[in-house]
Protein backbone atom coordinates (compact mmCIF):
# COMPACT_ATOMS: atom_id res chain seq x y z
CA MET A 1 -0.09 0.11 -0.13
CA ALA A 2 1.41 3.40 -0.99
CA LEU A 3 2.02 5.85 1.92
CA THR A 4 -0.05 8.77 2.31
CA PRO A 5 1.49 12.22 1.91
CA SER A 6 1.16 12.80 5.71
CA HIS A 7 3.46 9.55 6.47
CA GLU A 8 5.98 10.38 3.62
CA GLN A 9 9.37 11.11 5.02
CA PRO A 10 10.54 14.58 4.59
CA ALA A 11 13.12 15.02 1.58
CA LYS A 12 16.67 15.28 2.53
CA THR A 13 18.46 18.47 2.11
CA TRP A 14 20.84 18.52 -0.87
CA TRP A 15 24.03 18.09 1.47
CA ALA A 16 22.62 15.18 3.43
CA ARG A 17 22.00 13.09 0.12
CA ASP A 18 24.28 10.07 -0.50
CA THR A 19 25.16 11.72 -3.85
CA ALA A 20 26.37 15.02 -2.44
CA PRO A 21 30.06 14.07 -1.50
CA GLY A 22 30.44 12.51 -4.93
CA TYR A 23 29.31 15.71 -6.71
CA ALA A 24 31.39 17.88 -4.31
CA LEU A 25 34.39 15.70 -5.14
CA LEU A 26 33.76 15.86 -8.88
CA LEU A 27 33.39 19.71 -8.57
CA ALA A 28 36.76 19.81 -6.66
CA THR A 29 38.42 17.73 -9.20
CA LEU A 30 37.26 19.94 -12.02
CA VAL A 31 38.39 22.97 -10.14
CA SER A 32 41.92 21.41 -9.69
CA PHE A 33 42.11 20.59 -13.43
CA LEU A 34 41.34 24.07 -14.29
CA VAL A 35 43.60 25.82 -11.89
CA ILE A 36 46.69 23.59 -12.66
CA ASN A 37 46.11 24.23 -16.38
CA SER A 38 45.71 28.06 -16.29
CA PRO A 39 48.00 30.99 -15.38
CA ALA A 40 47.15 30.69 -11.75
CA ALA A 41 49.06 27.26 -11.68
CA ASP A 42 52.44 28.64 -10.36
CA PRO A 43 50.73 31.06 -7.82
CA PHE A 44 48.46 28.27 -6.57
CA HIS A 45 51.58 25.96 -6.20
CA ASP A 46 53.39 28.79 -4.27
CA LEU A 47 50.46 29.08 -2.03
CA LEU A 48 50.51 25.60 -1.11
CA GLU A 49 54.29 25.07 -0.82
CA THR A 50 55.31 28.28 0.78
CA PRO A 51 56.35 27.57 4.54
CA PHE A 52 54.75 29.88 7.15
CA GLY A 53 55.81 28.18 10.32
CA ARG A 54 57.72 25.31 11.82
CA ILE A 55 57.13 22.78 14.53
CA ALA A 56 60.25 21.69 16.14
CA ALA A 57 61.70 20.22 19.34
CA PHE A 58 64.95 18.26 20.24
CA GLY A 59 66.20 18.12 16.94
CA ALA A 60 63.18 17.02 15.11
CA GLY A 61 61.19 19.44 13.06
CA ARG A 62 58.65 19.82 10.27
CA ASP A 63 57.92 22.94 8.21
CA LEU A 64 54.44 24.07 7.97
CA THR A 65 52.74 24.64 4.59
CA LEU A 66 49.42 24.87 3.43
CA HIS A 67 49.78 21.53 1.64
CA VAL A 68 51.13 19.91 4.83
CA LEU A 69 48.04 21.24 6.70
CA ILE A 70 45.82 19.66 4.18
CA ASN A 71 47.51 16.30 3.58
CA ASP A 72 48.54 15.75 7.19
CA GLY A 73 46.33 17.94 9.26
CA LEU A 74 42.79 17.84 7.79
CA MET A 75 43.47 14.26 6.34
CA ALA A 76 43.94 13.42 10.07
CA LEU A 77 40.42 14.62 10.65
CA PHE A 78 39.27 12.21 7.69
CA PHE A 79 41.03 9.39 9.33
CA LEU A 80 39.25 10.34 12.82
CA TYR A 81 36.03 10.05 11.13
CA VAL A 82 36.81 6.73 9.30
CA GLY A 83 38.15 5.46 12.74
CA LEU A 84 34.94 6.52 14.43
CA GLU A 85 32.84 4.72 11.83
CA LEU A 86 35.10 1.59 12.13
CA LYS A 87 34.78 1.55 16.05
CA ARG A 88 30.96 1.91 15.88
CA GLU A 89 30.47 -0.92 13.21
CA THR A 90 32.82 -3.12 15.40
CA VAL A 91 30.81 -2.31 18.73
CA ASP A 92 27.30 -2.04 17.59
CA GLY A 93 27.22 -2.79 13.87
CA PRO A 94 27.60 -5.74 11.51
CA PHE A 95 31.29 -6.38 12.53
CA LYS A 96 30.03 -7.18 15.97
CA ASN A 97 29.03 -10.56 14.72
CA PRO A 98 32.18 -12.32 13.03
CA ARG A 99 30.06 -14.41 10.61
CA GLU A 100 28.04 -11.44 9.44
CA ALA A 101 31.30 -9.62 8.96
CA ALA A 102 33.35 -12.43 7.13
CA LEU A 103 32.08 -11.71 3.71
CA PRO A 104 32.97 -8.07 3.39
CA VAL A 105 36.13 -8.59 5.44
CA ILE A 106 37.40 -11.44 3.09
CA GLY A 107 36.16 -9.52 0.17
CA ALA A 108 38.06 -6.39 1.22
CA ALA A 109 41.15 -8.46 1.56
CA GLY A 110 40.80 -10.08 -1.85
CA GLY A 111 40.21 -6.47 -3.21
CA MET A 112 43.69 -5.08 -1.84
CA ILE A 113 45.61 -8.31 -2.86
CA GLY A 114 44.32 -8.46 -6.42
CA PRO A 115 45.09 -4.64 -7.43
CA ALA A 116 48.65 -4.96 -5.61
CA LEU A 117 49.38 -8.13 -7.61
CA ILE A 118 48.39 -6.43 -10.94
CA TYR A 119 50.34 -3.28 -10.23
CA LEU A 120 53.47 -5.13 -9.31
CA LEU A 121 53.06 -7.49 -12.42
CA ILE A 122 53.07 -4.23 -14.50
CA ALA A 123 55.28 -1.89 -12.78
CA GLY A 124 57.19 -4.00 -10.02
CA SER A 125 60.08 -4.71 -12.30
CA SER A 126 60.90 -1.15 -12.93
CA PRO A 127 63.36 0.30 -10.56
CA GLY A 128 62.01 2.21 -7.72
CA LEU A 129 58.30 1.69 -8.72
CA SER A 130 57.29 -1.31 -6.54
CA ARG A 131 56.70 1.10 -3.74
CA GLY A 132 53.48 2.09 -5.37
CA TRP A 133 51.70 -1.36 -4.91
CA ALA A 134 49.28 0.01 -2.50
CA ILE A 135 47.95 2.84 -4.56
CA PRO A 136 45.37 0.84 -6.44
CA ALA A 137 44.36 -1.11 -3.20
CA ALA A 138 42.10 1.41 -1.74
CA THR A 139 38.51 2.36 -2.07
CA ASP A 140 36.92 5.73 -1.86
CA ILE A 141 33.98 5.50 0.45
CA ALA A 142 32.18 8.68 -0.49
CA PHE A 143 32.58 8.28 -4.23
CA ALA A 144 31.58 4.57 -4.28
CA ILE A 145 28.49 5.07 -2.17
CA GLY A 146 27.69 8.38 -4.20
CA VAL A 147 27.70 6.51 -7.53
CA LEU A 148 25.73 3.60 -6.03
CA ALA A 149 23.18 6.14 -4.92
CA LEU A 150 22.69 7.08 -8.44
CA LEU A 151 20.77 3.81 -9.17
CA GLY A 152 18.20 4.83 -6.30
CA PRO A 153 15.96 2.27 -4.77
CA ARG A 154 16.67 -0.54 -7.12
CA VAL A 155 19.77 -1.28 -5.08
CA PRO A 156 18.95 -4.10 -2.50
CA ARG A 157 19.68 -3.06 1.00
CA ASP A 158 22.16 -5.95 1.76
CA LEU A 159 24.10 -5.07 -1.41
CA ARG A 160 24.58 -1.44 -0.43
CA LEU A 161 25.62 -2.61 3.15
CA PHE A 162 28.12 -5.04 1.54
CA LEU A 163 29.84 -2.17 -0.30
CA LEU A 164 29.76 0.04 2.66
CA ALA A 165 31.30 -2.63 4.96
CA LEU A 166 33.82 -3.62 2.41
CA ALA A 167 34.97 -0.02 2.01
CA ILE A 168 35.19 0.49 5.65
CA VAL A 169 37.35 -2.57 5.90
CA ASP A 170 39.42 -1.37 2.97
CA ASP A 171 40.10 1.79 4.86
CA LEU A 172 41.37 -0.09 7.68
CA GLY A 173 43.52 -2.00 5.58
CA ALA A 174 44.77 1.40 3.99
CA ILE A 175 45.38 2.71 7.50
CA LEU A 176 47.55 -0.36 8.40
CA VAL A 177 49.40 -0.11 5.06
CA ILE A 178 50.19 3.60 5.68
CA ALA A 179 51.52 2.83 9.22
CA PHE A 180 53.71 -0.17 8.29
CA PHE A 181 54.92 0.75 4.79
CA TYR A 182 54.94 4.36 4.24
CA THR A 183 56.55 5.57 7.28
CA ALA A 184 59.83 7.38 7.02
CA GLY A 185 62.80 7.22 9.58
CA ILE A 186 61.56 7.13 13.35
CA THR A 187 62.12 9.72 15.81
CA VAL A 188 61.90 7.51 18.94
CA TRP A 189 61.19 10.37 21.68
CA ALA A 190 58.42 11.65 19.73
CA LEU A 191 56.85 8.33 19.09
CA ALA A 192 57.24 7.53 22.86
CA CYS A 193 55.31 10.74 23.78
CA ALA A 194 52.65 10.09 21.31
CA GLY A 195 52.30 6.40 23.01
CA LEU A 196 51.90 8.43 26.45
CA VAL A 197 49.33 10.85 24.99
CA PHE A 198 47.25 7.76 23.50
CA GLY A 199 47.51 5.93 26.83
CA GLY A 200 46.11 9.15 28.64
CA GLN A 201 43.26 9.23 26.08
CA LEU A 202 42.44 5.50 26.92
CA ALA A 203 42.64 6.44 30.67
CA LEU A 204 40.17 9.25 30.08
CA ASN A 205 37.75 6.76 28.61
CA ARG A 206 38.32 4.14 31.45
CA MET A 207 37.76 7.08 34.16
CA GLY A 208 34.26 7.83 32.45
CA VAL A 209 35.16 11.16 30.84
CA ARG A 210 32.37 11.34 28.38
CA GLY A 211 32.82 15.09 27.25
CA LEU A 212 34.63 15.39 23.78
CA TRP A 213 36.80 18.40 24.26
CA PRO A 214 39.46 16.58 26.40
CA TYR A 215 39.87 14.05 23.79
CA TRP A 216 40.13 16.63 21.05
CA ILE A 217 42.82 18.51 22.86
CA ALA A 218 44.70 15.41 23.42
CA GLY A 219 44.30 14.30 20.00
CA LEU A 220 45.86 17.73 18.71
CA VAL A 221 49.01 17.04 20.99
CA LEU A 222 48.95 13.49 19.61
CA TRP A 223 49.06 14.77 16.27
CA ILE A 224 52.08 17.08 16.92
CA PHE A 225 54.00 14.21 18.48
CA MET A 226 53.18 11.95 15.29
CA LEU A 227 54.14 14.58 13.03
CA LEU A 228 57.45 14.79 14.59
CA SER A 229 57.87 11.15 14.90
CA GLY A 230 57.97 10.14 11.23
CA VAL A 231 54.96 7.92 11.37
CA HIS A 232 52.51 9.45 9.18
CA ALA A 233 50.53 12.17 11.19
CA THR A 234 47.04 10.94 10.06
CA ILE A 235 47.51 7.92 12.31
CA ALA A 236 46.58 10.33 15.23
CA GLY A 237 43.08 10.59 14.03
CA VAL A 238 42.58 6.83 14.01
CA LEU A 239 44.07 6.33 17.57
CA THR A 240 42.02 9.39 19.02
CA ALA A 241 38.83 7.58 17.45
CA VAL A 242 39.57 4.35 19.37
CA SER A 243 39.59 6.30 22.48
CA ILE A 244 36.26 8.05 22.10
CA PRO A 245 33.83 6.48 24.39
CA MET A 246 30.89 4.59 22.71
CA ARG A 247 28.34 4.92 25.29
CA ALA A 248 27.49 7.22 28.08
CA GLY A 249 25.21 6.26 31.22
CA ASP A 250 22.21 7.81 29.77
CA SER A 251 22.32 5.90 26.59
CA HIS A 252 23.84 8.84 24.86
CA SER A 253 26.94 7.97 22.57
CA PRO A 254 29.80 10.36 22.47
CA LEU A 255 31.16 8.54 19.59
CA VAL A 256 28.01 8.96 17.45
CA THR A 257 27.75 12.59 18.44
CA ALA A 258 31.29 13.06 17.22
CA GLU A 259 30.82 11.10 13.90
CA HIS A 260 27.58 12.96 12.99
CA ALA A 261 29.41 16.42 13.78
CA LEU A 262 32.34 15.52 11.53
CA LYS A 263 30.54 13.93 8.51
CA PRO A 264 29.45 17.12 6.79
CA TRP A 265 32.97 18.67 7.29
CA VAL A 266 34.66 15.78 6.04
CA VAL A 267 32.63 14.73 3.05
CA LEU A 268 31.72 18.27 1.77
CA ALA A 269 34.96 20.21 2.80
CA ILE A 270 37.99 18.22 3.77
CA MET A 271 37.77 15.52 0.96
CA PRO A 272 37.05 18.07 -1.75
CA LEU A 273 39.81 20.40 -0.64
CA PHE A 274 42.09 17.51 -0.67
CA ALA A 275 41.00 16.61 -4.12
CA MET A 276 41.41 20.27 -5.31
CA THR A 277 45.07 20.24 -4.12
CA ASN A 278 46.08 16.90 -5.39
CA ALA A 279 43.93 15.51 -8.15
CA GLY A 280 44.63 17.96 -11.08
CA VAL A 281 46.85 16.82 -13.98
CA PRO A 282 48.77 19.42 -16.01
CA LEU A 283 48.10 18.97 -19.78
CA ASP A 284 51.33 20.64 -20.50
CA GLY A 285 53.69 17.89 -20.94
CA LEU A 286 50.93 15.03 -21.02
CA ASN A 287 52.21 12.84 -23.74
CA ALA A 288 52.29 9.03 -24.51
CA ALA A 289 55.06 8.43 -22.05
CA VAL A 290 52.95 9.74 -19.16
CA LEU A 291 49.90 7.96 -20.32
CA LEU A 292 51.70 4.41 -20.98
CA HIS A 293 53.83 4.96 -17.75
CA PRO A 294 54.13 1.82 -15.74
CA ILE A 295 52.55 3.52 -12.78
CA ALA A 296 49.73 4.88 -14.76
CA ILE A 297 48.88 1.55 -16.25
CA GLY A 298 49.50 -0.43 -13.10
CA VAL A 299 47.28 1.75 -11.05
CA GLY A 300 44.45 2.05 -13.65
CA LEU A 301 44.37 -1.83 -14.33
CA GLY A 302 44.77 -2.63 -10.73
CA LEU A 303 41.52 -0.39 -9.97
CA PHE A 304 39.75 -1.51 -13.00
CA LEU A 305 40.50 -5.32 -12.88
CA GLY A 306 42.28 -6.12 -9.88
CA LYS A 307 39.42 -4.76 -7.49
CA PRO A 308 36.57 -6.54 -9.13
CA ILE A 309 38.48 -9.79 -9.68
CA GLY A 310 39.75 -9.97 -6.24
CA ILE A 311 36.54 -8.82 -4.36
CA THR A 312 34.35 -11.11 -6.41
CA LEU A 313 36.41 -14.15 -6.22
CA SER A 314 37.33 -13.78 -2.66
CA ALA A 315 33.56 -13.13 -1.61
CA VAL A 316 32.12 -16.03 -3.81
CA LEU A 317 34.71 -18.50 -2.37
CA ALA A 318 34.10 -17.39 1.38
CA ALA A 319 30.42 -17.71 0.88
CA MET A 320 30.84 -21.38 -0.45
CA ILE A 321 33.28 -22.28 2.19
CA LEU A 322 31.32 -20.64 5.09
CA LYS A 323 28.10 -21.75 3.61
CA ARG A 324 26.64 -18.13 3.67
CA PRO A 325 24.47 -16.55 1.01
CA LEU A 326 25.76 -13.68 -1.09
CA PRO A 327 23.94 -10.52 -0.66
CA ALA A 328 22.82 -10.52 -4.36
CA SER A 329 23.46 -12.39 -7.48
CA ARG A 330 27.12 -13.03 -8.70
CA MET A 331 26.57 -10.59 -11.58
CA ALA A 332 25.41 -7.98 -8.99
CA MET A 333 28.34 -8.78 -6.89
CA LEU A 334 30.53 -8.28 -9.76
CA GLY A 335 28.91 -4.79 -10.34
CA ILE A 336 29.43 -3.85 -6.90
CA ALA A 337 32.93 -4.88 -6.88
CA MET A 338 33.56 -2.79 -9.91
CA LEU A 339 32.46 0.20 -7.84
CA GLY A 340 35.10 -0.80 -5.20
CA GLY A 341 37.64 0.02 -7.99
CA ILE A 342 36.81 3.62 -7.34
CA GLY A 343 39.96 4.74 -5.61
CA PHE A 344 40.34 8.41 -5.89
CA THR A 345 40.82 10.17 -2.54
CA MET A 346 42.66 7.06 -0.76
CA SER A 347 44.51 6.20 -3.81
CA LEU A 348 45.82 9.75 -4.62
CA PHE A 349 46.70 10.02 -0.82
CA ILE A 350 48.74 6.80 -0.87
CA GLY A 351 50.41 7.91 -4.22
CA GLY A 352 51.63 11.05 -2.64
CA LEU A 353 53.24 9.02 0.14
CA ALA A 354 54.69 6.54 -2.17
CA PHE A 355 56.47 8.90 -4.63
CA ASN A 356 57.85 12.20 -3.69
CA ALA A 357 59.20 12.77 -7.18
CA ALA A 358 57.44 15.44 -8.87
CA GLU A 359 57.71 13.89 -12.40
CA LEU A 360 55.72 10.69 -11.02
CA ALA A 361 52.75 12.84 -9.76
CA ALA A 362 51.21 12.83 -13.33
CA PRO A 363 51.18 9.12 -14.04
CA VAL A 364 49.76 8.57 -10.42
CA ARG A 365 47.07 10.80 -11.02
CA ILE A 366 46.27 9.54 -14.39
CA GLY A 367 46.09 6.02 -13.38
CA VAL A 368 43.83 6.84 -10.28
CA LEU A 369 41.38 9.07 -12.26
CA GLY A 370 41.36 6.92 -15.22
CA GLY A 371 40.84 3.72 -13.26
CA SER A 372 38.26 5.08 -10.92
CA LEU A 373 36.17 6.57 -13.65
CA ALA A 374 36.26 3.31 -15.68
CA SER A 375 35.20 1.55 -12.63
CA ALA A 376 32.40 3.84 -11.80
CA LEU A 377 31.00 3.52 -15.46
CA ALA A 378 31.33 -0.14 -15.71
CA GLY A 379 29.95 -0.84 -12.17
CA VAL A 380 26.97 1.38 -13.05
CA ALA A 381 26.42 -0.23 -16.27
CA VAL A 382 26.57 -3.81 -14.98
CA LEU A 383 24.25 -3.01 -11.94
CA ALA A 384 21.84 -1.11 -14.03
CA ALA A 385 21.58 -4.20 -16.38
CA VAL A 386 21.06 -6.80 -13.62
CA LEU A 387 19.16 -4.94 -10.94
CA ARG A 388 15.30 -4.87 -11.42
CA PRO A 389 13.60 -1.34 -11.21
CA ALA A 390 12.12 -0.46 -7.82
CA GLU A 391 8.28 -0.69 -7.66
CA PRO A 392 6.35 2.46 -6.87
CA ASP A 393 5.94 1.67 -3.37
CA GLU A 394 9.58 0.98 -2.93
CA ARG A 395 10.61 4.21 -4.34
CA LYS A 396 8.44 5.95 -1.54
CA THR A 397 9.68 3.90 1.43
CA LEU A 398 13.40 3.71 0.61
């Protein structure tokens, strides 16, 4: 029975819709492309890279630029948001039950291994390029969910939750990869101080401190020590998320409050700002050598082929072994796995960590943007072909 108008749910504002982050990222990418191919390119680069301060203590130091504040500072807030989401899903979400979490966890693992193997097969033999193996291993949650939302209510709830859970696990894998494989020389005293601050955050949790400000202040101090330690400073966001209490005595959740407060800033400001400063590809000098560079091909094919092959095969095999049903047909699973090949923000971020040489930035961006665009188009095409249109009643209730 169709719902009467009085029972219809109010329409979401534009910024609360699932597609909003994807459109914001697209706009930011377009702006980045236009700026970097305009007379404003050099002033824009100078604005990003000119030091305006320095954090230093006991022989360790780091110049502060606008680029550092975006990639190391604002992205720490992005990882704080991701960490809060991971903790909530582990404590109260589908990851609480290992059997329910098995398919997306195994699918995510396959979705990281597959692209890494393809990248290494193509670019691994070139001197110094094997370091980029993790670039195509990451999935961009905002873009993937935003593209999936374009199909509307025809997407089954279980299939959407599978993609969301898979992308969350994928982000956890990316965090671990950054911590273990893209960390430079360690400054021991700074890392020890970071450990003490993190211990203090956990102590606040155990003592029943439910206000968020003490955690934010400690998180800022933790970020500074991480920045000086050589471990990528964004890890401070994840550690702070771990310390945030899930529940208060009055059934209020400080963690959920923090997550909801951060979400619009992360998806509509921080991620687009990161894209605007990192996604642009200069057309001047763009030639066949760049387009056919092993990095560009390895990243692009890693996202476009490695992701769907790795996710689909591992999820199907896991379902057979665990005797668990797939959330949709195998063709629909293939379509959703293709959307997992939308790397974008996380892939660009890891690319910046993997290669510092300016001449390698263009092939990284070409591979990420090309592979992500191809994955989005192919995923939507497959899902549109295999998912049945929603009934009128479903359009009103979903």
